[in-house]
Amino acid sequence: MHLLPAPLADYTVLSALMFLIGVCGVIVRRNPLVMLMSIELMFNAANLLFVAYARAWLNNAGHIFAFLVITVAAAEAAIGLAIVVVAFRASERVDVDQASALRG
């Protein structure tokens, strides 16, 4: 039994919801780790849309863009996590508003 793929509109709605959840996470939460995870969620929403449209248009450009976004997201996560660890190593409370500690 072969299942038909979901319509393109379903992928678009799911991607928009994922992106909005990520935006709300960046705006509302002040924890840098939660903000990084929210940014990753926004990247994954864009990847979902890239791959869905690549399948609908029968070309590989969406897959290539998704691979590039995954690569950038991995670098962003590694560098962002390193900055968070260095900046907030000595403090007991982690808050983005305390980023003035990064000044040299």
PDB file of N, CA and C in Angstrom:
ATOM      1  N   MET A   1       0.847  -1.172   0.000  1.00  0.00           N
ATOM      2  CA  MET A   1       0.000   0.000   0.000  1.00  0.00           C
ATOM      3  C   MET A   1       0.892   1.234   0.000  1.00  0.00           C
ATOM      4  N   HIS A   2       0.719   2.091  -0.966  1.00  0.00           N
ATOM      5  CA  HIS A   2       1.543   3.289  -1.122  1.00  0.00           C
ATOM      6  C   HIS A   2       0.770   4.498  -0.613  1.00  0.00           C
ATOM      7  N   LEU A   3       1.373   5.221   0.313  1.00  0.00           N
ATOM      8  CA  LEU A   3       0.726   6.409   0.852  1.00  0.00           C
ATOM      9  C   LEU A   3       1.114   7.626   0.026  1.00  0.00           C
ATOM     10  N   LEU A   4       0.167   8.480  -0.224  1.00  0.00           N
ATOM     11  CA  LEU A   4       0.440   9.702  -0.963  1.00  0.00           C
ATOM     12  C   LEU A   4       1.069  10.731  -0.037  1.00  0.00           C
ATOM     13  N   PRO A   5       2.000  11.544  -0.542  1.00  0.00           N
ATOM     14  CA  PRO A   5       2.595  12.578   0.305  1.00  0.00           C
ATOM     15  C   PRO A   5       1.581  13.661   0.635  1.00  0.00           C
ATOM     16  N   ALA A   6       1.838  14.341   1.725  1.00  0.00           N
ATOM     17  CA  ALA A   6       0.950  15.425   2.137  1.00  0.00           C
ATOM     18  C   ALA A   6       1.035  16.572   1.138  1.00  0.00           C
ATOM     19  N   PRO A   7      -0.033  17.340   1.007  1.00  0.00           N
ATOM     20  CA  PRO A   7       0.013  18.488   0.086  1.00  0.00           C
ATOM     21  C   PRO A   7       1.051  19.520   0.532  1.00  0.00           C
ATOM     22  N   LEU A   8       1.489  20.315  -0.404  1.00  0.00           N
ATOM     23  CA  LEU A   8       2.525  21.312  -0.135  1.00  0.00           C
ATOM     24  C   LEU A   8       2.056  22.344   0.891  1.00  0.00           C
ATOM     25  N   ALA A   9       0.769  22.631   0.914  1.00  0.00           N
ATOM     26  CA  ALA A   9       0.238  23.607   1.871  1.00  0.00           C
ATOM     27  C   ALA A   9       0.422  23.117   3.308  1.00  0.00           C
ATOM     28  N   ASP A  10       0.324  21.816   3.543  1.00  0.00           N
ATOM     29  CA  ASP A  10       0.521  21.279   4.887  1.00  0.00           C
ATOM     30  C   ASP A  10       1.956  21.506   5.368  1.00  0.00           C
ATOM     31  N   TYR A  11       2.917  21.293   4.472  1.00  0.00           N
ATOM     32  CA  TYR A  11       4.313  21.542   4.835  1.00  0.00           C
ATOM     33  C   TYR A  11       4.556  23.028   5.093  1.00  0.00           C
ATOM     34  N   THR A  12       3.902  23.877   4.313  1.00  0.00           N
ATOM     35  CA  THR A  12       4.070  25.313   4.493  1.00  0.00           C
ATOM     36  C   THR A  12       3.500  25.770   5.828  1.00  0.00           C
ATOM     37  N   VAL A  13       2.345  25.263   6.201  1.00  0.00           N
ATOM     38  CA  VAL A  13       1.734  25.625   7.484  1.00  0.00           C
ATOM     39  C   VAL A  13       2.578  25.111   8.639  1.00  0.00           C
ATOM     40  N   LEU A  14       3.049  23.873   8.551  1.00  0.00           N
ATOM     41  CA  LEU A  14       3.895  23.317   9.601  1.00  0.00           C
ATOM     42  C   LEU A  14       5.190  24.106   9.740  1.00  0.00           C
ATOM     43  N   SER A  15       5.782  24.476   8.628  1.00  0.00           N
ATOM     44  CA  SER A  15       7.010  25.257   8.657  1.00  0.00           C
ATOM     45  C   SER A  15       6.773  26.637   9.267  1.00  0.00           C
ATOM     46  N   ALA A  16       5.657  27.265   8.927  1.00  0.00           N
ATOM     47  CA  ALA A  16       5.343  28.581   9.495  1.00  0.00           C
ATOM     48  C   ALA A  16       5.122  28.489  10.998  1.00  0.00           C
ATOM     49  N   LEU A  17       4.447  27.448  11.456  1.00  0.00           N
ATOM     50  CA  LEU A  17       4.242  27.270  12.898  1.00  0.00           C
ATOM     51  C   LEU A  17       5.560  27.035  13.625  1.00  0.00           C
ATOM     52  N   MET A  18       6.422  26.207  13.047  1.00  0.00           N
ATOM     53  CA  MET A  18       7.730  25.975  13.657  1.00  0.00           C
ATOM     54  C   MET A  18       8.530  27.266  13.727  1.00  0.00           C
ATOM     55  N   PHE A  19       8.482  28.057  12.662  1.00  0.00           N
ATOM     56  CA  PHE A  19       9.230  29.312  12.633  1.00  0.00           C
ATOM     57  C   PHE A  19       8.682  30.284  13.671  1.00  0.00           C
ATOM     58  N   LEU A  20       7.360  30.365  13.814  1.00  0.00           N
ATOM     59  CA  LEU A  20       6.766  31.266  14.802  1.00  0.00           C
ATOM     60  C   LEU A  20       7.093  30.830  16.231  1.00  0.00           C
ATOM     61  N   ILE A  21       7.133  29.535  16.485  1.00  0.00           N
ATOM     62  CA  ILE A  21       7.531  29.055  17.810  1.00  0.00           C
ATOM     63  C   ILE A  21       8.975  29.445  18.094  1.00  0.00           C
ATOM     64  N   GLY A  22       9.826  29.346  17.086  1.00  0.00           N
ATOM     65  CA  GLY A  22      11.215  29.758  17.252  1.00  0.00           C
ATOM     66  C   GLY A  22      11.348  31.246  17.508  1.00  0.00           C
ATOM     67  N   VAL A  23      10.586  32.067  16.783  1.00  0.00           N
ATOM     68  CA  VAL A  23      10.630  33.518  16.995  1.00  0.00           C
ATOM     69  C   VAL A  23      10.144  33.866  18.396  1.00  0.00           C
ATOM     70  N   CYS A  24       9.063  33.221  18.836  1.00  0.00           N
ATOM     71  CA  CYS A  24       8.565  33.466  20.197  1.00  0.00           C
ATOM     72  C   CYS A  24       9.599  33.053  21.235  1.00  0.00           C
ATOM     73  N   GLY A  25      10.309  31.965  20.991  1.00  0.00           N
ATOM     74  CA  GLY A  25      11.348  31.529  21.925  1.00  0.00           C
ATOM     75  C   GLY A  25      12.498  32.510  22.021  1.00  0.00           C
ATOM     76  N   VAL A  26      12.860  33.131  20.904  1.00  0.00           N
ATOM     77  CA  VAL A  26      13.947  34.119  20.922  1.00  0.00           C
ATOM     78  C   VAL A  26      13.490  35.399  21.614  1.00  0.00           C
ATOM     79  N   ILE A  27      12.252  35.816  21.363  1.00  0.00           N
ATOM     80  CA  ILE A  27      11.770  37.081  21.916  1.00  0.00           C
ATOM     81  C   ILE A  27      11.445  36.959  23.407  1.00  0.00           C
ATOM     82  N   VAL A  28      10.794  35.880  23.800  1.00  0.00           N
ATOM     83  CA  VAL A  28      10.273  35.776  25.162  1.00  0.00           C
ATOM     84  C   VAL A  28      11.332  35.317  26.157  1.00  0.00           C
ATOM     85  N   ARG A  29      12.096  34.318  25.813  1.00  0.00           N
ATOM     86  CA  ARG A  29      13.048  33.744  26.763  1.00  0.00           C
ATOM     87  C   ARG A  29      14.357  34.511  26.762  1.00  0.00           C
ATOM     88  N   ARG A  30      14.977  34.647  27.922  1.00  0.00           N
ATOM     89  CA  ARG A  30      16.222  35.383  28.037  1.00  0.00           C
ATOM     90  C   ARG A  30      17.411  34.453  28.300  1.00  0.00           C
ATOM     91  N   ASN A  31      17.175  33.180  28.346  1.00  0.00           N
ATOM     92  CA  ASN A  31      18.248  32.215  28.534  1.00  0.00           C
ATOM     93  C   ASN A  31      18.942  31.995  27.191  1.00  0.00           C
ATOM     94  N   PRO A  32      20.274  32.157  27.139  1.00  0.00           N
ATOM     95  CA  PRO A  32      20.954  32.034  25.847  1.00  0.00           C
ATOM     96  C   PRO A  32      20.874  30.642  25.232  1.00  0.00           C
ATOM     97  N   LEU A  33      20.830  29.605  26.044  1.00  0.00           N
ATOM     98  CA  LEU A  33      20.712  28.256  25.484  1.00  0.00           C
ATOM     99  C   LEU A  33      19.348  28.039  24.841  1.00  0.00           C
ATOM    100  N   VAL A  34      18.303  28.549  25.469  1.00  0.00           N
ATOM    101  CA  VAL A  34      16.968  28.445  24.888  1.00  0.00           C
ATOM    102  C   VAL A  34      16.889  29.281  23.619  1.00  0.00           C
ATOM    103  N   MET A  35      17.564  30.426  23.612  1.00  0.00           N
ATOM    104  CA  MET A  35      17.574  31.251  22.407  1.00  0.00           C
ATOM    105  C   MET A  35      18.283  30.531  21.260  1.00  0.00           C
ATOM    106  N   LEU A  36      19.392  29.854  21.551  1.00  0.00           N
ATOM    107  CA  LEU A  36      20.090  29.091  20.510  1.00  0.00           C
ATOM    108  C   LEU A  36      19.217  27.955  19.976  1.00  0.00           C
ATOM    109  N   MET A  37      18.509  27.275  20.873  1.00  0.00           N
ATOM    110  CA  MET A  37      17.616  26.203  20.415  1.00  0.00           C
ATOM    111  C   MET A  37      16.473  26.756  19.567  1.00  0.00           C
ATOM    112  N   SER A  38      15.997  27.954  19.910  1.00  0.00           N
ATOM    113  CA  SER A  38      14.929  28.569  19.120  1.00  0.00           C
ATOM    114  C   SER A  38      15.427  28.957  17.732  1.00  0.00           C
ATOM    115  N   ILE A  39      16.658  29.435  17.657  1.00  0.00           N
ATOM    116  CA  ILE A  39      17.233  29.755  16.351  1.00  0.00           C
ATOM    117  C   ILE A  39      17.393  28.481  15.518  1.00  0.00           C
ATOM    118  N   GLU A  40      17.804  27.395  16.157  1.00  0.00           N
ATOM    119  CA  GLU A  40      17.907  26.114  15.454  1.00  0.00           C
ATOM    120  C   GLU A  40      16.534  25.666  14.948  1.00  0.00           C
ATOM    121  N   LEU A  41      15.497  25.914  15.733  1.00  0.00           N
ATOM    122  CA  LEU A  41      14.144  25.558  15.297  1.00  0.00           C
ATOM    123  C   LEU A  41      13.738  26.369  14.070  1.00  0.00           C
ATOM    124  N   MET A  42      14.121  27.636  14.027  1.00  0.00           N
ATOM    125  CA  MET A  42      13.828  28.454  12.854  1.00  0.00           C
ATOM    126  C   MET A  42      14.592  27.950  11.628  1.00  0.00           C
ATOM    127  N   PHE A  43      15.854  27.547  11.826  1.00  0.00           N
ATOM    128  CA  PHE A  43      16.618  26.972  10.718  1.00  0.00           C
ATOM    129  C   PHE A  43      15.954  25.693  10.202  1.00  0.00           C
ATOM    130  N   ASN A  44      15.478  24.852  11.111  1.00  0.00           N
ATOM    131  CA  ASN A  44      14.845  23.601  10.696  1.00  0.00           C
ATOM    132  C   ASN A  44      13.517  23.858   9.981  1.00  0.00           C
ATOM    133  N   ALA A  45      12.813  24.910  10.359  1.00  0.00           N
ATOM    134  CA  ALA A  45      11.586  25.266   9.644  1.00  0.00           C
ATOM    135  C   ALA A  45      11.906  25.657   8.207  1.00  0.00           C
ATOM    136  N   ALA A  46      12.975  26.412   8.030  1.00  0.00           N
ATOM    137  CA  ALA A  46      13.382  26.774   6.673  1.00  0.00           C
ATOM    138  C   ALA A  46      13.813  25.535   5.893  1.00  0.00           C
ATOM    139  N   ASN A  47      14.520  24.617   6.545  1.00  0.00           N
ATOM    140  CA  ASN A  47      14.939  23.375   5.875  1.00  0.00           C
ATOM    141  C   ASN A  47      13.738  22.553   5.423  1.00  0.00           C
ATOM    142  N   LEU A  48      12.728  22.472   6.270  1.00  0.00           N
ATOM    143  CA  LEU A  48      11.524  21.723   5.905  1.00  0.00           C
ATOM    144  C   LEU A  48      10.880  22.309   4.654  1.00  0.00           C
ATOM    145  N   LEU A  49      10.830  23.620   4.585  1.00  0.00           N
ATOM    146  CA  LEU A  49      10.236  24.266   3.428  1.00  0.00           C
ATOM    147  C   LEU A  49      11.088  24.076   2.180  1.00  0.00           C
ATOM    148  N   PHE A  50      12.415  24.173   2.333  1.00  0.00           N
ATOM    149  CA  PHE A  50      13.312  23.936   1.195  1.00  0.00           C
ATOM    150  C   PHE A  50      13.102  22.540   0.613  1.00  0.00           C
ATOM    151  N   VAL A  51      13.066  21.545   1.470  1.00  0.00           N
ATOM    152  CA  VAL A  51      12.951  20.161   1.004  1.00  0.00           C
ATOM    153  C   VAL A  51      11.555  19.894   0.429  1.00  0.00           C
ATOM    154  N   ALA A  52      10.527  20.473   1.031  1.00  0.00           N
ATOM    155  CA  ALA A  52       9.169  20.269   0.517  1.00  0.00           C
ATOM    156  C   ALA A  52       9.018  20.856  -0.875  1.00  0.00           C
ATOM    157  N   TYR A  53       9.527  22.069  -1.079  1.00  0.00           N
ATOM    158  CA  TYR A  53       9.424  22.670  -2.405  1.00  0.00           C
ATOM    159  C   TYR A  53      10.345  21.988  -3.414  1.00  0.00           C
ATOM    160  N   ALA A  54      11.467  21.471  -2.962  1.00  0.00           N
ATOM    161  CA  ALA A  54      12.337  20.732  -3.883  1.00  0.00           C
ATOM    162  C   ALA A  54      11.643  19.465  -4.374  1.00  0.00           C
ATOM    163  N   ARG A  55      10.910  18.830  -3.486  1.00  0.00           N
ATOM    164  CA  ARG A  55      10.185  17.627  -3.909  1.00  0.00           C
ATOM    165  C   ARG A  55       9.035  17.980  -4.856  1.00  0.00           C
ATOM    166  N   ALA A  56       8.370  19.102  -4.588  1.00  0.00           N
ATOM    167  CA  ALA A  56       7.241  19.495  -5.433  1.00  0.00           C
ATOM    168  C   ALA A  56       7.715  19.926  -6.819  1.00  0.00           C
ATOM    169  N   TRP A  57       8.852  20.578  -6.905  1.00  0.00           N
ATOM    170  CA  TRP A  57       9.347  21.075  -8.186  1.00  0.00           C
ATOM    171  C   TRP A  57      10.300  20.108  -8.865  1.00  0.00           C
ATOM    172  N   LEU A  58      10.585  18.982  -8.228  1.00  0.00           N
ATOM    173  CA  LEU A  58      11.420  17.930  -8.789  1.00  0.00           C
ATOM    174  C   LEU A  58      12.822  18.407  -9.190  1.00  0.00           C
ATOM    175  N   ASN A  59      13.423  19.185  -8.315  1.00  0.00           N
ATOM    176  CA  ASN A  59      14.817  19.565  -8.527  1.00  0.00           C
ATOM    177  C   ASN A  59      15.568  19.430  -7.200  1.00  0.00           C
ATOM    178  N   ASN A  60      16.869  19.515  -7.255  1.00  0.00           N
ATOM    179  CA  ASN A  60      17.676  19.275  -6.064  1.00  0.00           C
ATOM    180  C   ASN A  60      18.162  20.547  -5.391  1.00  0.00           C
ATOM    181  N   ALA A  61      17.733  21.699  -5.849  1.00  0.00           N
ATOM    182  CA  ALA A  61      18.219  22.953  -5.272  1.00  0.00           C
ATOM    183  C   ALA A  61      17.818  23.080  -3.804  1.00  0.00           C
ATOM    184  N   GLY A  62      16.615  22.664  -3.455  1.00  0.00           N
ATOM    185  CA  GLY A  62      16.171  22.741  -2.061  1.00  0.00           C
ATOM    186  C   GLY A  62      16.992  21.864  -1.148  1.00  0.00           C
ATOM    187  N   HIS A  63      17.381  20.697  -1.628  1.00  0.00           N
ATOM    188  CA  HIS A  63      18.208  19.796  -0.831  1.00  0.00           C
ATOM    189  C   HIS A  63      19.593  20.396  -0.610  1.00  0.00           C
ATOM    190  N   ILE A  64      20.130  21.040  -1.617  1.00  0.00           N
ATOM    191  CA  ILE A  64      21.447  21.661  -1.490  1.00  0.00           C
ATOM    192  C   ILE A  64      21.385  22.817  -0.495  1.00  0.00           C
ATOM    193  N   PHE A  65      20.349  23.652  -0.591  1.00  0.00           N
ATOM    194  CA  PHE A  65      20.197  24.756   0.358  1.00  0.00           C
ATOM    195  C   PHE A  65      20.006  24.233   1.779  1.00  0.00           C
ATOM    196  N   ALA A  66      19.236  23.165   1.945  1.00  0.00           N
ATOM    197  CA  ALA A  66      19.034  22.595   3.272  1.00  0.00           C
ATOM    198  C   ALA A  66      20.344  22.082   3.850  1.00  0.00           C
ATOM    199  N   PHE A  67      21.169  21.455   3.007  1.00  0.00           N
ATOM    200  CA  PHE A  67      22.469  20.983   3.472  1.00  0.00           C
ATOM    201  C   PHE A  67      23.343  22.151   3.909  1.00  0.00           C
ATOM    202  N   LEU A  68      23.326  23.242   3.155  1.00  0.00           N
ATOM    203  CA  LEU A  68      24.104  24.426   3.531  1.00  0.00           C
ATOM    204  C   LEU A  68      23.601  25.034   4.836  1.00  0.00           C
ATOM    205  N   VAL A  69      22.288  25.074   5.021  1.00  0.00           N
ATOM    206  CA  VAL A  69      21.723  25.617   6.259  1.00  0.00           C
ATOM    207  C   VAL A  69      22.106  24.735   7.447  1.00  0.00           C
ATOM    208  N   ILE A  70      22.090  23.424   7.267  1.00  0.00           N
ATOM    209  CA  ILE A  70      22.495  22.516   8.349  1.00  0.00           C
ATOM    210  C   ILE A  70      23.960  22.742   8.710  1.00  0.00           C
ATOM    211  N   THR A  71      24.799  22.966   7.711  1.00  0.00           N
ATOM    212  CA  THR A  71      26.216  23.231   7.963  1.00  0.00           C
ATOM    213  C   THR A  71      26.409  24.523   8.741  1.00  0.00           C
ATOM    214  N   VAL A  72      25.720  25.569   8.329  1.00  0.00           N
ATOM    215  CA  VAL A  72      25.818  26.849   9.038  1.00  0.00           C
ATOM    216  C   VAL A  72      25.250  26.720  10.450  1.00  0.00           C
ATOM    217  N   ALA A  73      24.175  25.975  10.615  1.00  0.00           N
ATOM    218  CA  ALA A  73      23.577  25.802  11.935  1.00  0.00           C
ATOM    219  C   ALA A  73      24.514  25.059  12.884  1.00  0.00           C
ATOM    220  N   ALA A  74      25.235  24.084  12.374  1.00  0.00           N
ATOM    221  CA  ALA A  74      26.186  23.362  13.220  1.00  0.00           C
ATOM    222  C   ALA A  74      27.320  24.273  13.671  1.00  0.00           C
ATOM    223  N   ALA A  75      27.820  25.094  12.759  1.00  0.00           N
ATOM    224  CA  ALA A  75      28.876  26.041  13.139  1.00  0.00           C
ATOM    225  C   ALA A  75      28.345  27.079  14.118  1.00  0.00           C
ATOM    226  N   GLU A  76      27.136  27.556  13.884  1.00  0.00           N
ATOM    227  CA  GLU A  76      26.533  28.539  14.785  1.00  0.00           C
ATOM    228  C   GLU A  76      26.331  27.962  16.171  1.00  0.00           C
ATOM    229  N   ALA A  77      25.899  26.724  16.240  1.00  0.00           N
ATOM    230  CA  ALA A  77      25.673  26.100  17.545  1.00  0.00           C
ATOM    231  C   ALA A  77      26.983  25.916  18.304  1.00  0.00           C
ATOM    232  N   ALA A  78      28.022  25.498  17.619  1.00  0.00           N
ATOM    233  CA  ALA A  78      29.310  25.284  18.291  1.00  0.00           C
ATOM    234  C   ALA A  78      29.902  26.599  18.787  1.00  0.00           C
ATOM    235  N   ILE A  79      29.905  27.613  17.948  1.00  0.00           N
ATOM    236  CA  ILE A  79      30.479  28.902  18.344  1.00  0.00           C
ATOM    237  C   ILE A  79      29.602  29.583  19.384  1.00  0.00           C
ATOM    238  N   GLY A  80      28.299  29.537  19.194  1.00  0.00           N
ATOM    239  CA  GLY A  80      27.391  30.147  20.161  1.00  0.00           C
ATOM    240  C   GLY A  80      27.481  29.500  21.525  1.00  0.00           C
ATOM    241  N   LEU A  81      27.551  28.188  21.561  1.00  0.00           N
ATOM    242  CA  LEU A  81      27.668  27.497  22.838  1.00  0.00           C
ATOM    243  C   LEU A  81      28.999  27.814  23.508  1.00  0.00           C
ATOM    244  N   ALA A  82      30.069  27.922  22.738  1.00  0.00           N
ATOM    245  CA  ALA A  82      31.369  28.285  23.309  1.00  0.00           C
ATOM    246  C   ALA A  82      31.330  29.683  23.911  1.00  0.00           C
ATOM    247  N   ILE A  83      30.706  30.626  23.224  1.00  0.00           N
ATOM    248  CA  ILE A  83      30.593  31.988  23.754  1.00  0.00           C
ATOM    249  C   ILE A  83      29.772  32.005  25.035  1.00  0.00           C
ATOM    250  N   VAL A  84      28.681  31.263  25.060  1.00  0.00           N
ATOM    251  CA  VAL A  84      27.838  31.218  26.258  1.00  0.00           C
ATOM    252  C   VAL A  84      28.606  30.627  27.429  1.00  0.00           C
ATOM    253  N   VAL A  85      29.347  29.567  27.197  1.00  0.00           N
ATOM    254  CA  VAL A  85      30.095  28.933  28.284  1.00  0.00           C
ATOM    255  C   VAL A  85      31.172  29.869  28.825  1.00  0.00           C
ATOM    256  N   VAL A  86      31.897  30.549  27.942  1.00  0.00           N
ATOM    257  CA  VAL A  86      32.955  31.458  28.384  1.00  0.00           C
ATOM    258  C   VAL A  86      32.374  32.676  29.093  1.00  0.00           C
ATOM    259  N   ALA A  87      31.287  33.215  28.564  1.00  0.00           N
ATOM    260  CA  ALA A  87      30.723  34.443  29.121  1.00  0.00           C
ATOM    261  C   ALA A  87      30.089  34.225  30.488  1.00  0.00           C
ATOM    262  N   PHE A  88      29.489  33.083  30.677  1.00  0.00           N
ATOM    263  CA  PHE A  88      28.728  32.870  31.898  1.00  0.00           C
ATOM    264  C   PHE A  88      29.314  31.775  32.778  1.00  0.00           C
ATOM    265  N   ARG A  89      30.605  31.537  32.665  1.00  0.00           N
ATOM    266  CA  ARG A  89      31.239  30.496  33.474  1.00  0.00           C
ATOM    267  C   ARG A  89      31.235  30.861  34.958  1.00  0.00           C
ATOM    268  N   ALA A  90      31.537  32.087  35.275  1.00  0.00           N
ATOM    269  CA  ALA A  90      31.658  32.489  36.671  1.00  0.00           C
ATOM    270  C   ALA A  90      30.327  32.890  37.293  1.00  0.00           C
ATOM    271  N   SER A  91      29.351  33.251  36.498  1.00  0.00           N
ATOM    272  CA  SER A  91      28.093  33.727  37.070  1.00  0.00           C
ATOM    273  C   SER A  91      27.185  32.562  37.426  1.00  0.00           C
ATOM    274  N   GLU A  92      26.331  32.822  38.410  1.00  0.00           N
ATOM    275  CA  GLU A  92      25.397  31.782  38.841  1.00  0.00           C
ATOM    276  C   GLU A  92      24.107  31.816  38.026  1.00  0.00           C
ATOM    277  N   ARG A  93      23.744  32.987  37.578  1.00  0.00           N
ATOM    278  CA  ARG A  93      22.513  33.132  36.801  1.00  0.00           C
ATOM    279  C   ARG A  93      22.876  33.491  35.371  1.00  0.00           C
ATOM    280  N   VAL A  94      22.270  32.802  34.427  1.00  0.00           N
ATOM    281  CA  VAL A  94      22.560  33.029  33.008  1.00  0.00           C
ATOM    282  C   VAL A  94      21.441  33.884  32.429  1.00  0.00           C
ATOM    283  N   ASP A  95      21.807  35.093  31.964  1.00  0.00           N
ATOM    284  CA  ASP A  95      20.832  36.007  31.376  1.00  0.00           C
ATOM    285  C   ASP A  95      21.502  36.735  30.226  1.00  0.00           C
ATOM    286  N   VAL A  96      20.782  36.893  29.134  1.00  0.00           N
ATOM    287  CA  VAL A  96      21.342  37.541  27.958  1.00  0.00           C
ATOM    288  C   VAL A  96      21.627  39.017  28.210  1.00  0.00           C
ATOM    289  N   ASP A  97      20.850  39.629  29.090  1.00  0.00           N
ATOM    290  CA  ASP A  97      21.038  41.043  29.391  1.00  0.00           C
ATOM    291  C   ASP A  97      22.371  41.309  30.104  1.00  0.00           C
ATOM    292  N   GLN A  98      23.037  40.281  30.591  1.00  0.00           N
ATOM    293  CA  GLN A  98      24.310  40.436  31.266  1.00  0.00           C
ATOM    294  C   GLN A  98      25.474  40.291  30.289  1.00  0.00           C
ATOM    295  N   ALA A  99      25.212  40.463  29.024  1.00  0.00           N
ATOM    296  CA  ALA A  99      26.246  40.286  28.001  1.00  0.00           C
ATOM    297  C   ALA A  99      27.289  41.385  28.031  1.00  0.00           C
ATOM    298  N   SER A 100      27.106  42.409  28.878  1.00  0.00           N
ATOM    299  CA  SER A 100      28.123  43.445  28.993  1.00  0.00           C
ATOM    300  C   SER A 100      29.415  42.892  29.574  1.00  0.00           C
ATOM    301  N   ALA A 101      29.373  41.690  30.134  1.00  0.00           N
ATOM    302  CA  ALA A 101      30.585  41.041  30.652  1.00  0.00           C
ATOM    303  C   ALA A 101      31.533  40.648  29.541  1.00  0.00           C
ATOM    304  N   LEU A 102      31.062  40.660  28.295  1.00  0.00           N
ATOM    305  CA  LEU A 102      31.926  40.291  27.163  1.00  0.00           C
ATOM    306  C   LEU A 102      32.885  41.399  26.769  1.00  0.00           C
ATOM    307  N   ARG A 103      32.674  42.595  27.283  1.00  0.00           N
ATOM    308  CA  ARG A 103      33.568  43.703  26.946  1.00  0.00           C
ATOM    309  C   ARG A 103      34.944  43.445  27.538  1.00  0.00           C
ATOM    310  N   GLY A 104      35.951  43.783  26.770  1.00  0.00           N
ATOM    311  CA  GLY A 104      37.326  43.531  27.186  1.00  0.00           C
ATOM    312  C   GLY A 104      37.857  44.577  28.019  1.00  0.00           C
TER     313      GLY A 104
END
